[in-house]
Amino acid sequence: HGRISMLAVLGHIVTSAGVRLPGDIDYEGTSFASIPTGIAALSKVPAAGLAQIFFFVGFLEVAVMKDITGGEFPGDFRNGFIDFGWDSFSPEEQERKRGIELNQGRAAMMGILGLMVHEEIIPLGYDADLPIIGHLV
């Protein structure tokens, strides 16, 4: 969940900054630029697009992103292919880096939850200009 949350936070930040893919998301001419950011995008993306995302993620879960048999730790997705020098680290350094990734994943989970809550409470009268607490109008 942590790795997915990291990608979700990054995706939210990038799309909120106005970065979009060029072209259309469907054959009817709906442009990527017309899709809003965050939770609101779910109602604007065509059903076939959501189905493609669902099945692609399912394919990754079932066929690609599997824990290696006899892996060193839960979440070891290297599968003998991607290493990036992991084996060159000492056991202490590996444990430290796993701890860092876990903590960053936890922070990202809280971050994406905060972004989603923020999106949903603004229509209720939350003042987005007030830091942290805000108030109901």
N, C-alpha and C. Protein backbone atom coordinates (compact mmCIF):
# COMPACT_ATOMS: atom_id res chain seq x y z
N HIS A 1 0.80 -1.19 0.00
CA HIS A 1 0.00 0.00 0.00
C HIS A 1 0.85 1.26 0.00
N GLY A 2 2.00 1.17 0.63
CA GLY A 2 2.87 2.34 0.71
C GLY A 2 3.38 2.77 -0.65
N ARG A 3 3.81 1.80 -1.46
CA ARG A 3 4.34 2.14 -2.78
C ARG A 3 3.25 2.72 -3.67
N ILE A 4 2.06 2.16 -3.61
CA ILE A 4 0.93 2.69 -4.40
C ILE A 4 0.58 4.10 -3.92
N SER A 5 0.61 4.32 -2.61
CA SER A 5 0.31 5.65 -2.07
C SER A 5 1.35 6.67 -2.51
N MET A 6 2.62 6.26 -2.58
CA MET A 6 3.65 7.17 -3.07
C MET A 6 3.35 7.59 -4.50
N LEU A 7 2.95 6.64 -5.33
CA LEU A 7 2.59 6.96 -6.71
C LEU A 7 1.35 7.84 -6.77
N ALA A 8 0.38 7.58 -5.88
CA ALA A 8 -0.85 8.36 -5.86
C ALA A 8 -0.58 9.82 -5.49
N VAL A 9 0.23 10.04 -4.48
CA VAL A 9 0.57 11.41 -4.07
C VAL A 9 1.30 12.12 -5.20
N LEU A 10 2.26 11.46 -5.80
CA LEU A 10 3.00 12.06 -6.91
C LEU A 10 2.06 12.37 -8.07
N GLY A 11 1.17 11.45 -8.40
CA GLY A 11 0.21 11.68 -9.49
C GLY A 11 -0.70 12.85 -9.19
N HIS A 12 -1.14 12.96 -7.95
CA HIS A 12 -2.02 14.08 -7.58
C HIS A 12 -1.28 15.40 -7.70
N ILE A 13 -0.05 15.45 -7.24
CA ILE A 13 0.73 16.68 -7.31
C ILE A 13 0.99 17.08 -8.76
N VAL A 14 1.35 16.11 -9.58
CA VAL A 14 1.66 16.41 -10.99
C VAL A 14 0.43 16.89 -11.73
N THR A 15 -0.71 16.20 -11.56
CA THR A 15 -1.91 16.62 -12.28
C THR A 15 -2.46 17.94 -11.72
N SER A 16 -2.31 18.17 -10.42
CA SER A 16 -2.75 19.45 -9.86
C SER A 16 -1.90 20.61 -10.38
N ALA A 17 -0.66 20.32 -10.75
CA ALA A 17 0.21 21.34 -11.32
C ALA A 17 -0.12 21.61 -12.79
N GLY A 18 -1.06 20.85 -13.35
CA GLY A 18 -1.50 21.09 -14.72
C GLY A 18 -0.83 20.23 -15.76
N VAL A 19 0.00 19.28 -15.36
CA VAL A 19 0.67 18.42 -16.32
C VAL A 19 -0.32 17.34 -16.77
N ARG A 20 -0.54 17.24 -18.06
CA ARG A 20 -1.46 16.26 -18.61
C ARG A 20 -0.85 15.62 -19.86
N LEU A 21 -1.30 14.43 -20.17
CA LEU A 21 -0.89 13.80 -21.41
C LEU A 21 -1.54 14.53 -22.57
N PRO A 22 -0.88 14.59 -23.72
CA PRO A 22 -1.51 15.22 -24.88
C PRO A 22 -2.55 14.27 -25.47
N GLY A 23 -3.48 14.82 -26.19
CA GLY A 23 -4.44 13.99 -26.91
C GLY A 23 -5.72 13.72 -26.14
N ASP A 24 -6.42 12.70 -26.61
CA ASP A 24 -7.74 12.36 -26.07
C ASP A 24 -7.69 11.06 -25.29
N ILE A 25 -8.58 10.97 -24.31
CA ILE A 25 -8.65 9.76 -23.48
C ILE A 25 -9.59 8.72 -24.09
N ASP A 26 -10.47 9.16 -25.02
CA ASP A 26 -11.39 8.22 -25.68
C ASP A 26 -11.62 8.66 -27.12
N TYR A 27 -12.40 7.86 -27.84
CA TYR A 27 -12.65 8.16 -29.25
C TYR A 27 -13.69 9.26 -29.45
N GLU A 28 -14.40 9.63 -28.37
CA GLU A 28 -15.39 10.70 -28.47
C GLU A 28 -14.76 12.08 -28.41
N GLY A 29 -13.48 12.15 -28.14
CA GLY A 29 -12.77 13.43 -28.14
C GLY A 29 -12.58 14.05 -26.77
N THR A 30 -12.82 13.30 -25.71
CA THR A 30 -12.57 13.81 -24.36
C THR A 30 -11.06 13.92 -24.15
N SER A 31 -10.60 15.14 -23.94
CA SER A 31 -9.16 15.33 -23.81
C SER A 31 -8.70 15.01 -22.40
N PHE A 32 -7.43 14.64 -22.28
CA PHE A 32 -6.86 14.40 -20.96
C PHE A 32 -6.93 15.67 -20.12
N ALA A 33 -6.78 16.83 -20.76
CA ALA A 33 -6.79 18.09 -20.03
C ALA A 33 -8.16 18.38 -19.41
N SER A 34 -9.22 17.78 -19.94
CA SER A 34 -10.56 18.04 -19.39
C SER A 34 -10.88 17.15 -18.19
N ILE A 35 -10.02 16.20 -17.89
CA ILE A 35 -10.24 15.32 -16.73
C ILE A 35 -9.73 16.05 -15.49
N PRO A 36 -10.57 16.20 -14.45
CA PRO A 36 -10.11 16.89 -13.24
C PRO A 36 -9.12 16.04 -12.45
N THR A 37 -8.56 16.64 -11.43
CA THR A 37 -7.62 15.91 -10.59
C THR A 37 -8.36 15.19 -9.47
N GLY A 38 -7.69 14.24 -8.87
CA GLY A 38 -8.19 13.59 -7.67
C GLY A 38 -9.41 12.72 -7.86
N ILE A 39 -10.24 12.66 -6.82
CA ILE A 39 -11.41 11.79 -6.80
C ILE A 39 -12.40 12.17 -7.89
N ALA A 40 -12.49 13.43 -8.23
CA ALA A 40 -13.42 13.89 -9.26
C ALA A 40 -13.14 13.24 -10.62
N ALA A 41 -11.92 12.79 -10.83
CA ALA A 41 -11.57 12.16 -12.11
C ALA A 41 -12.31 10.85 -12.31
N LEU A 42 -12.65 10.16 -11.23
CA LEU A 42 -13.32 8.87 -11.36
C LEU A 42 -14.66 8.99 -12.08
N SER A 43 -15.35 10.11 -11.90
CA SER A 43 -16.64 10.28 -12.56
C SER A 43 -16.50 10.75 -14.00
N LYS A 44 -15.33 11.21 -14.39
CA LYS A 44 -15.12 11.74 -15.74
C LYS A 44 -14.41 10.77 -16.67
N VAL A 45 -13.63 9.84 -16.13
CA VAL A 45 -12.94 8.86 -16.97
C VAL A 45 -13.99 7.87 -17.49
N PRO A 46 -14.00 7.59 -18.79
CA PRO A 46 -14.98 6.65 -19.33
C PRO A 46 -14.88 5.27 -18.66
N ALA A 47 -16.01 4.57 -18.61
CA ALA A 47 -16.08 3.26 -17.94
C ALA A 47 -15.06 2.28 -18.54
N ALA A 48 -14.88 2.33 -19.85
CA ALA A 48 -13.91 1.43 -20.48
C ALA A 48 -12.49 1.73 -20.00
N GLY A 49 -12.19 3.01 -19.74
CA GLY A 49 -10.88 3.38 -19.23
C GLY A 49 -10.66 2.88 -17.81
N LEU A 50 -11.69 2.99 -16.97
CA LEU A 50 -11.59 2.46 -15.61
C LEU A 50 -11.42 0.95 -15.63
N ALA A 51 -12.13 0.28 -16.55
CA ALA A 51 -11.99 -1.18 -16.67
C ALA A 51 -10.57 -1.55 -17.11
N GLN A 52 -9.99 -0.78 -18.02
CA GLN A 52 -8.61 -1.04 -18.45
C GLN A 52 -7.64 -0.89 -17.29
N ILE A 53 -7.83 0.14 -16.49
CA ILE A 53 -6.97 0.34 -15.33
C ILE A 53 -7.11 -0.83 -14.37
N PHE A 54 -8.34 -1.23 -14.08
CA PHE A 54 -8.61 -2.32 -13.16
C PHE A 54 -7.95 -3.62 -13.63
N PHE A 55 -8.13 -3.96 -14.91
CA PHE A 55 -7.56 -5.20 -15.42
C PHE A 55 -6.04 -5.14 -15.53
N PHE A 56 -5.49 -3.98 -15.85
CA PHE A 56 -4.04 -3.84 -15.91
C PHE A 56 -3.42 -4.04 -14.53
N VAL A 57 -4.01 -3.41 -13.51
CA VAL A 57 -3.51 -3.58 -12.15
C VAL A 57 -3.67 -5.03 -11.71
N GLY A 58 -4.80 -5.67 -12.09
CA GLY A 58 -4.99 -7.08 -11.78
C GLY A 58 -3.92 -7.94 -12.43
N PHE A 59 -3.60 -7.65 -13.68
CA PHE A 59 -2.54 -8.39 -14.38
C PHE A 59 -1.21 -8.23 -13.67
N LEU A 60 -0.89 -7.00 -13.26
CA LEU A 60 0.36 -6.77 -12.54
C LEU A 60 0.39 -7.57 -11.24
N GLU A 61 -0.74 -7.58 -10.51
CA GLU A 61 -0.81 -8.31 -9.25
C GLU A 61 -0.59 -9.81 -9.44
N VAL A 62 -1.23 -10.36 -10.46
CA VAL A 62 -1.21 -11.81 -10.66
C VAL A 62 0.06 -12.30 -11.35
N ALA A 63 0.54 -11.54 -12.33
CA ALA A 63 1.60 -12.07 -13.18
C ALA A 63 2.98 -11.44 -12.98
N VAL A 64 3.03 -10.20 -12.59
CA VAL A 64 4.32 -9.51 -12.59
C VAL A 64 4.84 -9.25 -11.19
N MET A 65 4.07 -8.57 -10.37
CA MET A 65 4.55 -8.12 -9.06
C MET A 65 4.32 -9.19 -7.99
N LYS A 66 5.01 -10.28 -8.12
CA LYS A 66 4.88 -11.36 -7.15
C LYS A 66 6.10 -11.37 -6.24
N ASP A 67 5.86 -11.71 -4.97
CA ASP A 67 7.00 -11.93 -4.08
C ASP A 67 7.81 -13.09 -4.65
N ILE A 68 9.11 -12.94 -4.67
CA ILE A 68 9.93 -14.03 -5.19
C ILE A 68 9.90 -15.19 -4.19
N THR A 69 9.95 -16.39 -4.71
CA THR A 69 9.96 -17.56 -3.86
C THR A 69 11.25 -17.55 -3.04
N GLY A 70 11.09 -17.59 -1.74
CA GLY A 70 12.27 -17.54 -0.88
C GLY A 70 12.90 -16.17 -0.84
N GLY A 71 12.09 -15.11 -1.05
CA GLY A 71 12.61 -13.75 -1.01
C GLY A 71 13.18 -13.40 0.35
N GLU A 72 13.98 -12.37 0.36
CA GLU A 72 14.63 -11.96 1.60
C GLU A 72 13.65 -11.38 2.61
N PHE A 73 12.57 -10.75 2.12
CA PHE A 73 11.64 -10.06 2.99
C PHE A 73 10.31 -9.88 2.25
N PRO A 74 9.20 -9.68 2.97
CA PRO A 74 7.92 -9.41 2.30
C PRO A 74 8.03 -8.16 1.44
N GLY A 75 7.48 -8.21 0.24
CA GLY A 75 7.56 -7.09 -0.67
C GLY A 75 8.80 -7.10 -1.54
N ASP A 76 9.54 -8.21 -1.54
CA ASP A 76 10.73 -8.35 -2.38
C ASP A 76 10.28 -8.72 -3.79
N PHE A 77 10.17 -7.71 -4.66
CA PHE A 77 9.64 -7.92 -6.02
C PHE A 77 10.74 -7.99 -7.07
N ARG A 78 11.97 -8.20 -6.67
CA ARG A 78 13.07 -8.15 -7.64
C ARG A 78 12.97 -9.29 -8.66
N ASN A 79 12.51 -10.44 -8.26
CA ASN A 79 12.35 -11.58 -9.17
C ASN A 79 13.61 -11.91 -9.95
N GLY A 80 14.76 -11.64 -9.36
CA GLY A 80 16.02 -11.94 -10.03
C GLY A 80 16.32 -11.03 -11.19
N PHE A 81 15.61 -9.93 -11.33
CA PHE A 81 15.76 -9.07 -12.49
C PHE A 81 16.24 -7.67 -12.11
N ILE A 82 15.49 -6.98 -11.28
CA ILE A 82 15.82 -5.61 -10.90
C ILE A 82 16.57 -5.65 -9.58
N ASP A 83 17.74 -5.07 -9.53
CA ASP A 83 18.52 -5.11 -8.31
C ASP A 83 18.93 -3.72 -7.84
N PHE A 84 19.42 -2.88 -8.73
CA PHE A 84 19.90 -1.54 -8.41
C PHE A 84 20.94 -1.54 -7.30
N GLY A 85 21.75 -2.61 -7.22
CA GLY A 85 22.83 -2.66 -6.25
C GLY A 85 22.43 -3.10 -4.86
N TRP A 86 21.23 -3.63 -4.71
CA TRP A 86 20.74 -4.04 -3.40
C TRP A 86 21.67 -5.04 -2.72
N ASP A 87 22.17 -5.98 -3.50
CA ASP A 87 23.02 -7.02 -2.92
C ASP A 87 24.38 -6.49 -2.48
N SER A 88 24.74 -5.30 -2.88
CA SER A 88 26.02 -4.74 -2.47
C SER A 88 25.95 -4.08 -1.09
N PHE A 89 24.74 -3.88 -0.56
CA PHE A 89 24.58 -3.26 0.76
C PHE A 89 24.79 -4.29 1.86
N SER A 90 25.28 -3.82 2.98
CA SER A 90 25.42 -4.69 4.15
C SER A 90 24.02 -5.00 4.70
N PRO A 91 23.86 -6.09 5.46
CA PRO A 91 22.55 -6.40 6.04
C PRO A 91 21.98 -5.25 6.88
N GLU A 92 22.83 -4.53 7.59
CA GLU A 92 22.35 -3.40 8.39
C GLU A 92 21.82 -2.28 7.50
N GLU A 93 22.55 -2.02 6.39
CA GLU A 93 22.12 -0.98 5.46
C GLU A 93 20.82 -1.37 4.76
N GLN A 94 20.67 -2.65 4.41
CA GLN A 94 19.43 -3.13 3.80
C GLN A 94 18.25 -2.94 4.76
N GLU A 95 18.45 -3.28 6.02
CA GLU A 95 17.38 -3.13 7.00
C GLU A 95 17.03 -1.65 7.19
N ARG A 96 18.04 -0.79 7.21
CA ARG A 96 17.80 0.65 7.34
C ARG A 96 17.00 1.18 6.15
N LYS A 97 17.38 0.75 4.94
CA LYS A 97 16.69 1.22 3.74
C LYS A 97 15.25 0.70 3.68
N ARG A 98 15.03 -0.55 4.13
CA ARG A 98 13.65 -1.07 4.18
C ARG A 98 12.82 -0.25 5.17
N GLY A 99 13.42 0.11 6.30
CA GLY A 99 12.72 0.94 7.28
C GLY A 99 12.38 2.31 6.73
N ILE A 100 13.30 2.89 5.97
CA ILE A 100 13.06 4.19 5.35
C ILE A 100 11.89 4.08 4.37
N GLU A 101 11.90 3.03 3.55
CA GLU A 101 10.81 2.87 2.58
C GLU A 101 9.47 2.66 3.27
N LEU A 102 9.45 1.88 4.34
CA LEU A 102 8.21 1.68 5.10
C LEU A 102 7.69 3.00 5.67
N ASN A 103 8.58 3.79 6.24
CA ASN A 103 8.16 5.07 6.81
C ASN A 103 7.68 6.05 5.74
N GLN A 104 8.36 6.07 4.60
CA GLN A 104 7.91 6.94 3.51
C GLN A 104 6.57 6.48 2.96
N GLY A 105 6.37 5.16 2.91
CA GLY A 105 5.08 4.62 2.48
C GLY A 105 3.97 5.00 3.43
N ARG A 106 4.25 4.93 4.73
CA ARG A 106 3.24 5.33 5.73
C ARG A 106 2.92 6.81 5.60
N ALA A 107 3.93 7.63 5.39
CA ALA A 107 3.70 9.07 5.21
C ALA A 107 2.87 9.33 3.95
N ALA A 108 3.15 8.59 2.89
CA ALA A 108 2.39 8.76 1.65
C ALA A 108 0.95 8.32 1.83
N MET A 109 0.71 7.26 2.61
CA MET A 109 -0.67 6.84 2.87
C MET A 109 -1.44 7.95 3.58
N MET A 110 -0.80 8.58 4.56
CA MET A 110 -1.45 9.69 5.25
C MET A 110 -1.61 10.89 4.31
N GLY A 111 -0.62 11.09 3.44
CA GLY A 111 -0.68 12.21 2.50
C GLY A 111 -1.82 12.08 1.51
N ILE A 112 -1.98 10.90 0.92
CA ILE A 112 -3.06 10.75 -0.07
C ILE A 112 -4.41 10.79 0.62
N LEU A 113 -4.49 10.25 1.85
CA LEU A 113 -5.74 10.34 2.60
C LEU A 113 -6.08 11.81 2.88
N GLY A 114 -5.08 12.60 3.27
CA GLY A 114 -5.30 14.02 3.50
C GLY A 114 -5.75 14.75 2.25
N LEU A 115 -5.15 14.42 1.11
CA LEU A 115 -5.55 15.05 -0.15
C LEU A 115 -6.99 14.71 -0.51
N MET A 116 -7.36 13.43 -0.31
CA MET A 116 -8.73 13.01 -0.63
C MET A 116 -9.75 13.67 0.30
N VAL A 117 -9.43 13.73 1.60
CA VAL A 117 -10.34 14.38 2.55
C VAL A 117 -10.47 15.86 2.22
N HIS A 118 -9.36 16.49 1.89
CA HIS A 118 -9.38 17.91 1.54
C HIS A 118 -10.30 18.15 0.35
N GLU A 119 -10.24 17.30 -0.65
CA GLU A 119 -11.10 17.45 -1.82
C GLU A 119 -12.58 17.34 -1.46
N GLU A 120 -12.88 16.46 -0.54
CA GLU A 120 -14.27 16.20 -0.21
C GLU A 120 -14.87 17.20 0.76
N ILE A 121 -14.06 17.86 1.60
CA ILE A 121 -14.65 18.78 2.58
C ILE A 121 -14.72 20.22 2.11
N ILE A 122 -14.04 20.57 1.04
CA ILE A 122 -14.14 21.95 0.53
C ILE A 122 -15.59 22.26 0.12
N PRO A 123 -16.31 21.35 -0.56
CA PRO A 123 -17.71 21.67 -0.88
C PRO A 123 -18.60 21.83 0.36
N LEU A 124 -18.17 21.36 1.51
CA LEU A 124 -18.95 21.49 2.74
C LEU A 124 -18.76 22.84 3.42
N GLY A 125 -17.90 23.69 2.87
CA GLY A 125 -17.68 25.01 3.43
C GLY A 125 -16.35 25.20 4.12
N TYR A 126 -15.47 24.24 3.98
CA TYR A 126 -14.13 24.35 4.57
C TYR A 126 -13.37 25.45 3.85
N ASP A 127 -12.70 26.29 4.59
CA ASP A 127 -11.92 27.36 4.01
C ASP A 127 -10.51 26.85 3.73
N ALA A 128 -10.20 26.61 2.47
CA ALA A 128 -8.91 26.01 2.09
C ALA A 128 -7.74 26.94 2.34
N ASP A 129 -7.99 28.23 2.58
CA ASP A 129 -6.88 29.17 2.80
C ASP A 129 -6.37 29.12 4.24
N LEU A 130 -7.16 28.54 5.16
CA LEU A 130 -6.70 28.46 6.53
C LEU A 130 -5.86 27.21 6.71
N PRO A 131 -4.70 27.35 7.34
CA PRO A 131 -3.84 26.18 7.50
C PRO A 131 -4.42 25.18 8.52
N ILE A 132 -4.20 23.95 8.25
CA ILE A 132 -4.49 22.80 9.09
C ILE A 132 -5.95 22.67 9.49
N ILE A 133 -6.50 23.59 10.27
CA ILE A 133 -7.83 23.38 10.84
C ILE A 133 -8.93 23.95 9.97
N GLY A 134 -8.84 25.20 9.61
CA GLY A 134 -9.89 25.82 8.82
C GLY A 134 -11.14 26.02 9.65
N HIS A 135 -12.22 26.36 8.99
CA HIS A 135 -13.49 26.50 9.70
C HIS A 135 -14.64 26.27 8.74
N LEU A 136 -15.78 25.97 9.27
CA LEU A 136 -16.99 25.82 8.46
C LEU A 136 -17.66 27.19 8.37
N VAL A 137 -18.04 27.56 7.17
CA VAL A 137 -18.64 28.88 6.95
C VAL A 137 -20.12 28.83 7.27
